[in-house]
Protein backbone atom coordinates (compact mmCIF):
# COMPACT_ATOMS: atom_id res chain seq x y z
CA MET A 1 9.71 9.07 23.97
CA GLU A 2 11.92 6.44 24.39
CA ASN A 3 10.84 2.91 25.30
CA THR A 4 11.84 1.42 28.66
CA GLU A 5 14.13 -1.05 27.04
CA GLN A 6 16.20 2.07 25.73
CA LEU A 7 16.21 3.83 28.95
CA LYS A 8 17.60 0.52 30.63
CA HIS A 9 20.68 1.38 28.86
CA ILE A 10 21.22 4.37 30.86
CA GLU A 11 21.01 2.42 34.13
CA GLN A 12 23.66 0.02 32.81
CA VAL A 13 26.28 2.35 31.89
CA SER A 14 28.23 1.38 34.89
CA ILE A 15 27.83 -2.53 34.80
CA PRO A 16 30.22 -4.14 37.04
CA PRO A 17 33.22 -5.49 35.18
CA SER A 18 33.34 -9.04 34.71
CA ASP A 19 36.33 -11.26 34.96
CA ASN A 20 36.66 -11.62 31.18
CA GLU A 21 36.01 -7.99 30.44
CA SER A 22 38.87 -6.17 28.31
CA LYS A 23 41.17 -4.15 30.38
CA SER A 24 43.44 -1.08 29.23
CA VAL A 25 46.55 0.00 31.04
CA ASN A 26 47.55 3.47 30.65
CA GLY A 27 50.12 5.38 32.55
CA GLY A 28 49.71 2.62 35.36
CA VAL A 29 46.10 3.02 35.65
CA THR A 30 43.88 0.11 34.70
CA ARG A 31 40.71 1.10 32.79
CA HIS A 32 37.78 -1.21 32.00
CA MET A 33 36.57 -1.15 28.37
CA PRO A 34 32.83 -0.81 28.02
CA THR A 35 31.16 -4.05 26.94
CA LEU A 36 28.61 -4.00 24.08
CA ARG A 37 24.93 -5.13 24.99
CA ARG A 38 25.10 -7.69 22.14
CA GLU A 39 28.35 -9.16 23.90
CA VAL A 40 26.45 -9.19 27.35
CA ALA A 41 23.43 -10.86 25.86
CA ALA A 42 25.48 -13.58 24.01
CA GLN A 43 27.48 -14.39 27.26
CA ALA A 44 24.11 -14.29 29.18
CA LEU A 45 22.77 -16.77 26.68
CA LYS A 46 25.69 -19.00 26.96
CA GLU A 47 25.59 -19.14 30.93
CA LEU A 48 21.75 -19.62 30.68
CA TRP A 49 22.43 -22.53 28.49
CA GLN A 50 24.75 -23.98 31.13
CA GLU A 51 22.66 -23.32 34.03
CA LEU A 52 19.40 -25.10 32.24
CA LYS A 53 22.02 -27.93 31.65
CA LEU A 54 21.01 -28.13 28.01
CA GLU A 55 22.81 -30.49 25.56
CA GLN A 56 26.11 -29.70 23.74
CA GLU A 57 27.78 -26.71 23.38
CA PRO A 58 25.46 -23.91 22.11
CA LEU A 59 25.94 -22.17 18.53
CA ILE A 60 25.13 -18.55 19.15
CA PHE A 61 24.11 -16.41 16.09
CA ALA A 62 21.90 -13.43 15.22
CA SER A 63 18.50 -14.16 13.70
CA PRO A 64 18.22 -14.17 9.82
CA MET A 65 14.83 -12.64 10.26
CA GLN A 66 15.32 -9.12 12.00
CA ARG A 67 11.95 -7.29 11.22
CA ARG A 68 9.40 -5.14 12.87
CA VAL A 69 7.37 -8.52 13.85
CA GLN A 70 10.07 -10.68 15.36
CA LEU A 71 8.25 -13.85 14.54
CA GLU A 72 10.03 -16.26 16.97
CA HIS A 73 9.00 -14.20 19.81
CA HIS A 74 5.45 -13.50 18.98
CA PRO A 75 3.14 -15.52 21.21
CA LEU A 76 0.23 -15.65 18.59
CA LEU A 77 2.55 -17.22 16.12
CA LEU A 78 4.27 -19.55 18.64
CA ASP A 79 0.84 -20.81 19.99
CA GLN A 80 -0.52 -21.35 16.45
CA LEU A 81 2.50 -23.17 15.33
CA VAL A 82 2.35 -25.57 18.45
CA ALA A 83 -1.58 -26.09 17.89
CA ASN A 84 -0.76 -26.98 14.09
CA GLY A 85 1.78 -29.53 15.18
CA LYS A 86 -0.53 -31.47 17.51
CA GLN A 87 -2.83 -31.82 14.44
CA ARG A 88 -0.15 -33.75 12.35
CA LYS A 89 0.62 -37.38 12.68
CA LYS A 90 4.07 -36.89 11.72
CA PRO A 91 5.85 -33.91 12.72
CA LEU A 92 7.52 -31.78 10.25
CA PHE A 93 11.40 -31.21 10.20
CA GLY A 94 11.70 -28.25 12.83
CA GLN A 95 8.31 -28.77 14.36
CA LEU A 96 8.07 -26.76 17.49
CA LYS A 97 6.47 -28.92 20.30
CA LYS A 98 6.26 -26.08 23.33
CA TRP A 99 7.64 -22.94 24.09
CA GLU A 100 8.05 -20.86 27.31
CA ARG A 101 8.97 -17.53 28.43
CA LEU A 102 11.79 -17.16 30.66
CA SER A 103 12.86 -14.38 33.33
CA ALA A 104 15.82 -12.38 32.30
CA PRO A 105 18.82 -13.94 34.20
CA GLU A 106 20.67 -11.65 36.68
CA TYR A 107 23.78 -11.96 34.61
CA ALA A 108 22.21 -10.17 31.68
CA HIS A 109 22.26 -7.00 33.60
CA GLY A 110 18.60 -6.02 32.91
CA ILE A 111 18.70 -6.79 29.19
CA ALA A 112 15.21 -7.67 27.95
CA ALA A 113 14.07 -7.94 31.71
CA THR A 114 10.74 -5.73 31.31
CA GLY A 115 8.74 -7.97 28.46
CA GLU A 116 7.97 -4.59 26.80
CA VAL A 117 6.10 -4.43 23.65
CA GLY A 118 7.48 -1.92 21.36
CA LEU A 119 4.45 -1.08 19.17
CA LEU A 120 0.79 -2.05 18.39
CA LEU A 121 0.17 -3.58 14.92
CA LYS A 122 -2.84 -3.52 12.47
CA ALA A 123 -4.61 -6.91 12.42
CA ASP A 124 -2.28 -7.90 9.45
CA MET A 125 0.56 -7.61 11.70
CA LEU A 126 2.46 -5.76 9.45
CA ARG A 127 1.92 -2.14 9.83
CA GLN A 128 1.71 0.13 13.01
CA ALA A 129 -1.78 0.82 14.38
CA ASP A 130 -3.06 4.30 14.07
CA ILE A 131 -5.32 6.11 16.78
CA GLY A 132 -8.66 4.72 16.76
CA GLU A 133 -7.74 1.41 15.38
CA ARG A 134 -9.76 -1.74 16.08
CA GLY A 135 -8.66 -5.25 15.91
CA THR A 136 -5.05 -4.31 16.88
CA VAL A 137 -2.28 -6.99 17.75
CA PRO A 138 0.64 -6.19 20.13
CA ALA A 139 4.09 -6.71 18.46
CA ALA A 140 6.60 -9.21 19.84
CA PRO A 141 7.72 -8.34 23.40
CA TYR A 142 11.41 -8.16 24.31
CA GLY A 143 12.40 -11.27 26.38
CA TRP A 144 13.90 -14.67 26.71
CA VAL A 145 12.43 -17.83 25.29
CA CYS A 146 13.12 -21.41 25.50
CA TYR A 147 11.87 -23.68 22.79
CA THR A 148 11.45 -27.48 22.80
CA PHE A 149 11.14 -29.20 19.26
CA GLY A 150 9.68 -32.32 18.21
CA SER A 151 12.69 -34.44 18.70
CA ASP A 152 13.11 -32.93 22.13
CA TRP A 153 16.19 -30.92 21.47
CA LYS A 154 15.78 -27.21 22.92
CA ALA A 155 17.11 -23.80 21.87
CA LEU A 156 17.13 -20.33 23.61
CA SER A 157 16.49 -16.86 22.01
CA VAL A 158 16.77 -13.15 23.53
CA TYR A 159 14.91 -10.28 21.75
CA PHE A 160 16.30 -6.86 22.92
CA TYR A 161 16.99 -3.19 22.08
CA ASP A 162 20.78 -2.84 21.07
CA SER A 163 21.25 0.64 22.19
CA ASP A 164 24.81 0.53 20.73
CA ASN A 165 23.35 0.47 17.22
CA SER A 166 19.91 1.97 17.96
CA ASP A 167 17.95 -1.17 16.64
CA SER A 168 16.23 -4.28 18.05
CA LEU A 169 18.24 -7.56 17.83
CA THR A 170 17.66 -11.14 18.37
CA LEU A 171 20.35 -13.68 19.30
CA THR A 172 19.65 -17.48 19.17
CA ALA A 173 21.41 -20.40 20.86
CA VAL A 174 20.90 -24.09 19.18
CA PRO A 175 23.01 -27.25 19.78
CA TYR A 176 25.46 -27.75 17.11
CA GLY A 177 23.96 -29.63 14.10
CA HIS A 178 20.54 -28.51 14.68
CA GLN A 179 20.86 -25.00 12.89
CA ASP A 180 19.36 -26.55 9.79
CA GLU A 181 15.98 -27.42 11.95
CA TRP A 182 15.96 -24.03 13.36
CA LEU A 183 15.82 -22.35 9.91
CA ALA A 184 13.08 -24.80 8.84
CA PHE A 185 11.22 -23.68 12.20
CA LEU A 186 11.76 -19.96 11.10
CA LYS A 187 10.19 -21.05 7.58
CA GLN A 188 7.18 -22.46 9.27
CA LEU A 189 6.76 -19.14 11.12
CA ASP A 190 7.22 -17.23 8.10
CA ASP A 191 4.51 -19.12 6.27
CA LEU A 192 2.07 -18.90 9.09
CA TYR A 193 2.81 -15.18 9.19
CA ASP A 194 1.96 -14.86 5.38
CA THR A 195 -1.34 -16.67 5.99
CA ILE A 196 -2.29 -14.21 8.65
CA TRP A 197 -1.35 -11.40 6.32
CA ARG A 198 -3.42 -12.62 3.34
CA ARG A 199 -6.36 -13.51 5.45
CA THR A 200 -6.58 -10.09 6.83
CA ARG A 201 -5.83 -8.47 3.31
CA ARG A 202 -8.87 -10.05 1.59
CA GLY A 203 -11.34 -7.58 0.83
CA SER A 204 -9.14 -4.53 2.04
CA ILE A 205 -8.24 -1.19 -0.09
CA GLU A 206 -4.67 -0.18 0.40
CA ILE A 207 -3.78 3.36 -0.18
CA ILE A 208 -0.35 3.83 -1.31
CA GLY A 209 1.28 7.15 -1.11
CA GLY A 210 -2.10 8.87 -0.18
CA ASN A 211 -4.47 9.49 2.60
CA ASP A 212 -5.92 6.26 4.15
CA GLU A 213 -9.37 8.14 4.40
CA LEU A 214 -9.44 7.56 0.55
CA ALA A 215 -10.19 3.86 1.31
CA GLU A 216 -13.50 4.86 2.86
CA VAL A 217 -14.48 6.76 -0.20
CA ILE A 218 -13.78 3.99 -2.51
CA LYS A 219 -15.63 1.47 -0.12
CA LYS A 220 -18.78 3.62 -0.59
CA SER A 221 -18.56 3.96 -4.21
CA SER A 222 -21.12 1.89 -6.36
CA PHE A 223 -22.02 1.18 -10.09
CA ASP A 224 -25.22 3.24 -9.26
CA ASP A 225 -22.96 6.56 -9.76
CA VAL A 226 -21.44 5.34 -12.91
CA ILE A 227 -23.42 6.50 -16.09
CA LEU A 228 -21.55 5.24 -19.35
CA LEU A 229 -22.71 3.28 -22.51
CA GLN A 230 -23.49 -0.32 -21.54
CA GLU A 231 -20.92 -1.55 -24.00
CA THR A 232 -18.19 0.46 -22.50
CA LEU A 233 -19.13 -0.82 -18.95
CA GLU A 234 -19.13 -4.63 -20.40
CA HIS A 235 -15.89 -3.98 -22.03
CA VAL A 236 -14.27 -2.72 -18.69
CA ALA A 237 -16.00 -5.60 -16.88
CA ALA A 238 -14.61 -8.00 -19.21
CA GLN A 239 -10.94 -7.29 -18.07
CA ARG A 240 -11.80 -8.95 -14.72
CA ARG A 241 -11.57 -12.33 -16.60
CA ILE A 242 -7.72 -12.14 -15.52
CA PHE A 243 -8.91 -13.68 -12.44
CA ASP A 244 -10.66 -16.52 -13.79
CA LYS A 245 -8.92 -20.04 -13.15
CA GLU A 246 -9.05 -20.78 -16.54
CA MET A 247 -7.39 -17.71 -17.95
CA LEU A 248 -4.58 -17.88 -15.16
CA LYS A 249 -3.94 -21.20 -16.41
CA ARG A 250 -3.60 -20.14 -20.15
CA TYR A 251 -1.20 -17.20 -18.96
CA GLU A 252 0.84 -19.82 -16.73
CA ALA A 253 1.06 -22.26 -20.03
CA LEU A 254 2.25 -19.41 -22.23
CA ARG A 255 4.88 -18.56 -19.33
CA VAL A 256 3.45 -14.99 -19.30
CA PRO A 257 3.15 -12.90 -15.96
CA ARG A 258 -0.42 -12.84 -14.60
CA LEU A 259 -0.59 -9.20 -14.84
CA ARG A 260 -3.19 -7.31 -17.35
CA LYS A 261 -2.70 -3.63 -18.03
CA VAL A 262 -5.84 -1.72 -19.16
CA LEU A 263 -5.69 2.13 -19.86
CA LEU A 264 -8.90 4.20 -19.73
CA ILE A 265 -8.58 7.34 -21.88
CA GLY A 266 -10.66 10.28 -22.51
CA PRO A 267 -11.18 14.06 -21.92
CA PRO A 268 -11.44 15.18 -18.10
CA GLY A 269 -15.01 14.76 -16.43
CA THR A 270 -16.06 11.73 -18.72
CA GLY A 271 -16.37 9.49 -15.69
CA LYS A 272 -13.11 7.46 -15.52
CA THR A 273 -12.53 8.26 -11.95
CA THR A 274 -15.90 7.42 -10.88
CA LEU A 275 -15.68 3.93 -12.76
CA LEU A 276 -12.28 3.27 -11.15
CA LYS A 277 -13.60 3.84 -7.59
CA ALA A 278 -16.91 1.43 -8.54
CA GLU A 279 -14.44 -0.96 -9.92
CA GLY A 280 -12.40 -0.84 -6.61
CA ALA A 281 -15.41 -1.30 -4.34
CA PHE A 282 -16.77 -4.16 -6.41
CA HIS A 283 -13.55 -5.97 -6.38
CA ALA A 284 -13.14 -5.44 -2.54
CA ARG A 285 -16.51 -6.79 -1.77
CA GLN A 286 -15.40 -10.00 -3.84
CA GLY A 287 -12.79 -10.70 -1.43
CA GLY A 288 -9.96 -9.23 -3.43
CA LEU A 289 -7.10 -6.96 -2.70
CA VAL A 290 -7.30 -3.31 -3.88
CA CYS A 291 -4.46 -0.92 -4.27
CA TYR A 292 -4.96 2.63 -5.08
CA VAL A 293 -1.72 4.33 -6.00
CA CYS A 294 -1.12 7.97 -5.41
CA ALA A 295 1.73 9.96 -7.20
CA PRO A 296 4.02 11.42 -4.32
CA PRO A 297 4.80 15.11 -3.80
CA TYR A 298 7.88 16.21 -5.86
CA ASN A 299 9.83 16.72 -2.66
CA ARG A 300 9.39 13.06 -1.83
CA ASN A 301 12.48 10.88 -2.17
CA THR A 302 10.35 8.36 -3.93
CA SER A 303 8.94 8.65 -7.48
CA ALA A 304 5.47 8.13 -8.84
CA TRP A 305 6.82 4.98 -10.68
CA GLN A 306 8.47 3.57 -7.58
CA GLN A 307 4.98 3.95 -5.86
CA LEU A 308 3.35 1.92 -8.72
CA THR A 309 6.19 -0.74 -8.76
CA SER A 310 5.65 -1.07 -4.98
CA ALA A 311 1.93 -1.65 -5.51
CA LEU A 312 2.52 -4.36 -8.19
CA HIS A 313 5.10 -6.22 -6.13
CA LEU A 314 2.60 -6.18 -3.12
CA ALA A 315 -0.03 -7.72 -5.52
CA ALA A 316 2.36 -10.51 -6.26
CA GLU A 317 3.52 -11.17 -2.87
CA SER A 318 -0.18 -11.02 -1.46
CA GLN A 319 -1.15 -14.16 -3.88
CA LEU A 320 -4.74 -12.53 -4.01
CA PRO A 321 -6.68 -11.49 -6.71
CA THR A 322 -5.58 -7.88 -7.02
CA LEU A 323 -6.94 -4.61 -8.43
CA VAL A 324 -4.35 -1.80 -8.93
CA LEU A 325 -5.97 1.74 -9.55
CA VAL A 326 -3.87 4.51 -11.02
CA GLU A 327 -5.02 8.00 -12.10
CA ASP A 328 -3.33 10.21 -14.44
CA PHE A 329 -0.90 7.20 -15.75
CA GLU A 330 1.13 9.60 -17.84
CA MET A 331 2.33 11.28 -14.41
CA PHE A 332 3.67 7.60 -13.50
CA VAL A 333 5.69 6.79 -16.72
CA SER A 334 7.06 10.03 -17.78
CA ASN A 335 10.32 10.24 -16.15
CA PRO A 336 13.03 9.50 -18.81
CA SER A 337 15.42 8.24 -16.21
CA GLU A 338 13.05 5.47 -15.53
CA GLN A 339 11.99 4.39 -19.03
CA GLN A 340 13.76 1.29 -19.25
CA LEU A 341 12.58 0.28 -15.66
CA VAL A 342 8.93 0.94 -16.57
CA LEU A 343 9.44 -1.22 -19.92
CA ASN A 344 10.98 -3.98 -18.06
CA THR A 345 8.28 -4.15 -15.31
CA LEU A 346 5.21 -3.72 -17.66
CA ASP A 347 6.29 -6.28 -19.91
CA GLY A 348 9.82 -7.57 -19.54
CA VAL A 349 12.35 -9.48 -17.07
CA ALA A 350 11.13 -7.39 -14.07
CA THR A 351 7.33 -7.88 -14.48
CA PRO A 352 5.83 -9.31 -11.18
CA ASP A 353 3.89 -12.41 -11.36
CA ASN A 354 0.96 -12.91 -9.17
CA PRO A 355 -0.62 -16.63 -9.18
CA ALA A 356 -3.96 -15.11 -8.29
CA GLY A 357 -3.84 -12.60 -11.04
CA THR A 358 -3.38 -8.71 -10.97
CA LEU A 359 -5.36 -6.20 -13.06
CA LEU A 360 -3.83 -2.66 -13.44
CA LEU A 361 -6.62 -0.23 -14.14
CA ALA A 362 -5.11 3.36 -15.14
CA THR A 363 -6.64 6.43 -16.34
CA SER A 364 -5.18 9.10 -18.62
CA ASN A 365 -6.59 12.64 -19.77
CA ASP A 366 -3.67 12.92 -22.15
CA PRO A 367 -2.50 9.76 -23.71
CA GLU A 368 -0.24 11.50 -26.20
CA LYS A 369 1.99 12.25 -23.24
CA ILE A 370 2.67 8.42 -22.70
CA ASP A 371 5.82 6.98 -24.62
CA GLN A 372 4.57 4.99 -27.68
CA ARG A 373 6.75 2.06 -26.77
CA ILE A 374 4.26 1.99 -23.70
CA ARG A 375 1.09 3.23 -25.12
CA ASP A 376 1.10 1.36 -28.46
CA ARG A 377 3.05 -1.77 -27.47
CA PRO A 378 0.57 -4.80 -26.90
CA GLY A 379 1.67 -6.48 -23.74
CA ARG A 380 2.82 -3.11 -22.16
CA ILE A 381 -0.68 -1.70 -22.33
CA ASP A 382 -3.17 -4.71 -23.17
CA ALA A 383 -6.38 -2.39 -23.89
CA LEU A 384 -7.23 1.02 -24.33
CA ILE A 385 -10.84 1.88 -23.62
CA GLU A 386 -12.29 5.15 -24.56
CA ILE A 387 -14.52 6.97 -22.12
CA GLY A 388 -15.51 9.94 -24.25
CA LEU A 389 -17.86 12.77 -24.23
CA VAL A 390 -21.70 12.07 -24.43
CA GLU A 391 -22.86 12.02 -27.75
CA ASP A 392 -25.90 9.64 -27.32
CA THR A 393 -29.21 11.37 -26.36
CA GLU A 394 -30.59 8.19 -24.28
CA LEU A 395 -27.12 8.65 -22.28
CA ALA A 396 -27.74 12.32 -21.71
CA ILE A 397 -31.23 11.63 -20.52
CA SER A 398 -29.80 9.18 -18.12
CA PHE A 399 -27.39 11.95 -16.85
CA LEU A 400 -30.35 14.24 -16.21
CA LYS A 401 -32.13 11.73 -14.39
CA HIS A 402 -29.36 10.81 -11.99
CA PHE A 403 -28.22 14.68 -11.31
CA LEU A 404 -31.80 15.85 -10.92
CA GLY A 405 -33.05 13.10 -8.99
CA SER A 406 -36.60 13.62 -7.69
CA ALA A 407 -36.62 16.71 -9.58
CA TYR A 408 -36.44 15.11 -12.86
CA ARG A 409 -39.68 15.31 -15.16
CA GLU A 410 -39.62 13.32 -18.40
CA GLU A 411 -41.83 15.92 -20.49
CA GLU A 412 -40.06 18.89 -19.31
CA HIS A 413 -36.33 17.78 -19.42
CA ALA A 414 -35.80 15.07 -21.88
CA PRO A 415 -36.37 17.33 -24.87
CA ILE A 416 -33.29 19.31 -23.71
CA ALA A 417 -31.12 16.56 -23.47
CA ALA A 418 -30.18 16.69 -27.45
CA GLN A 419 -28.89 20.29 -26.79
CA LEU A 420 -26.54 19.16 -24.29
CA LEU A 421 -24.41 16.74 -26.13
CA LYS A 422 -20.76 16.68 -26.98
CA GLN A 423 -19.92 17.36 -23.30
CA PRO A 424 -18.39 15.28 -20.67
CA GLY A 425 -20.62 13.77 -17.81
CA SER A 426 -19.29 16.22 -15.47
CA HIS A 427 -20.88 19.01 -17.46
CA PHE A 428 -24.32 17.73 -16.86
CA ARG A 429 -23.62 17.71 -13.09
CA GLU A 430 -22.95 21.26 -13.12
CA VAL A 431 -25.71 22.12 -15.47
CA CYS A 432 -28.15 20.44 -13.07
CA ILE A 433 -26.73 21.93 -9.91
CA ALA A 434 -26.55 25.43 -11.52
CA ALA A 435 -30.14 25.29 -12.93
CA SER A 436 -31.43 24.19 -9.42
CA MET A 437 -29.84 27.21 -7.68
CA ARG A 438 -31.41 29.55 -10.43
CA ALA A 439 -34.81 27.99 -9.82
CA LEU A 440 -34.40 28.46 -5.94
CA GLU A 441 -33.25 32.16 -6.66
CA LYS A 442 -36.49 32.73 -8.51
CA GLY A 443 -38.42 31.14 -5.83
CA LYS A 444 -39.35 27.98 -7.56
CA THR A 445 -39.61 24.55 -6.33
CA ASP A 446 -39.20 22.97 -9.77
CA VAL A 447 -36.32 23.16 -12.23
CA SER A 448 -37.48 23.98 -15.65
CA GLY A 449 -35.95 23.24 -19.19
CA GLU A 450 -35.18 26.77 -19.52
CA ASP A 451 -33.39 26.88 -16.10
CA LEU A 452 -31.21 23.77 -17.73
CA LEU A 453 -30.33 25.76 -20.98
CA TRP A 454 -29.67 28.75 -19.00
CA ALA A 455 -27.01 26.99 -16.93
CA HIS A 456 -25.43 25.12 -20.07
CA GLU A 457 -25.04 28.47 -21.79
CA ALA A 458 -23.66 30.35 -18.70
CA ILE A 459 -20.96 27.30 -18.38
CA LEU A 460 -20.05 27.34 -22.00
CA THR A 461 -19.66 31.20 -21.93
CA GLY A 462 -17.38 30.94 -18.94
CA ARG A 463 -15.20 28.34 -20.59
CA ALA A 464 -14.93 30.37 -23.76
CA ILE A 465 -13.84 33.44 -21.72
CA ALA A 466 -11.21 31.58 -19.76
CA ALA A 467 -10.02 30.26 -23.13
CA GLU A 468 -9.17 33.74 -24.29
CA ALA A 469 -5.51 34.13 -23.16
CA GLU A 470 -5.39 37.78 -24.33
CA ARG A 471 -7.95 38.77 -21.42
CA TYR A 472 -5.41 37.99 -18.87
CA ILE A 473 -2.08 39.30 -20.63
CA PRO A 474 -1.38 42.79 -20.03
CA ALA A 475 -1.12 44.83 -23.37
CA PRO A 476 2.27 45.33 -24.70
CA ALA A 477 4.02 48.69 -24.08
CA HIS A 478 3.47 51.31 -26.57
CA ARG A 479 5.71 54.43 -27.72
CA ARG A 480 5.10 57.00 -24.99
CA GLY A 481 5.86 60.58 -24.71
CA GLY A 482 8.87 61.77 -23.00
CA TYR A 483 9.12 63.52 -19.53
CA PHE A 484 12.00 65.32 -18.23
CA GLY A 485 13.13 66.14 -21.42
CA ARG A 486 13.62 62.30 -22.39
CA LYS A 487 11.79 60.04 -24.79
CA HIS A 488 11.10 56.48 -23.76
CA LEU A 489 9.43 53.30 -25.48
């Protein structure tokens, strides 16, 4: 649905021609040339300047910050900037003293006359709000604003929908010689905006390229769900040292980008994803920023590597301790046409540097598919940590306790643990579920050791059958007898 600022253009098609409007004479008939809305807005700014009797001739130009949130027209930011200025004993260069919204002048022919807000934003003032969202912020309204600065000079600005180019546009008028102060004012707004953005991002989980509902799944994760050897957990936890101030100073002294890359490797079902989610939940609770990167569908214009690069740059821009989570890392670095970009970004001239530190924690079921220049080169992958099969009896017992819950009985189930080794953690989950279902089928309330062994053998048998490819391939054609007097093979 078109917004009202766009619809205004329909009403303005027949704007009465002004004295300085271009004319064309063809065949003795005078025709008025249509005037672009930008020209009308610029002329109106100039007339308003004269009407308000402002100093000098105005310098009129387009704002260098054309974005979704037009900062110099956002009331929240302007009010905050004025309040900040009042707390300073000495005003900054380009310090805003006060501002006021003006009514659209009649000679603007309805441009930016409604004060319409184009959209609602999330609390970070960066992204559009979704239905059901809370803590939303209105975007900057279309309109006319007069600014007064610390040295008592004034400026005008109009923010409007330019239907000639199908985009929003901001035009500004300042006295000649004050343009540098205006740019300093915009820089103060930009810094304030970044402060708000960082504050709202603390403790948040951003899903890049996937469904935002995944953030809630990560938030609910816990190390209570992670069953791994203690030394493995400690090795992974040690990677968080990248966020320590002393470690960040060492990186800086070495002139090395503050980005650590860790790859968790192992067969499917060993708990890598569960560990990833638990680390994400922990980091968010510590007030850091978490970015979970999903590989896009093949029909998207962006690649998996571009998604990951976007997350690394977002981390650097946030200047917050950032944890970037990636599953199936081999999918993100396997495109031959992007190999040089991958090498340069992981450890080269294009590596994003986050002053607060970034930890890239990735997983791979098939590390052999990762180029050796990435996998085996220290600096591109800083640490490889194996999350392997369950080979420790005590760990196997921990899995049985976790997945059987209140049904676990030490004397009944612990002796079975040794017979379930050399399997991934997901195998123990399925064994416990299948054993519980078998017990219910037999009308029992307790799960026996025999139920567990039955489930274990049933799952292994199913895997073995699935691995027999010849079971699912039609038999080759054999020499057959003829028919209708012909012989066929």
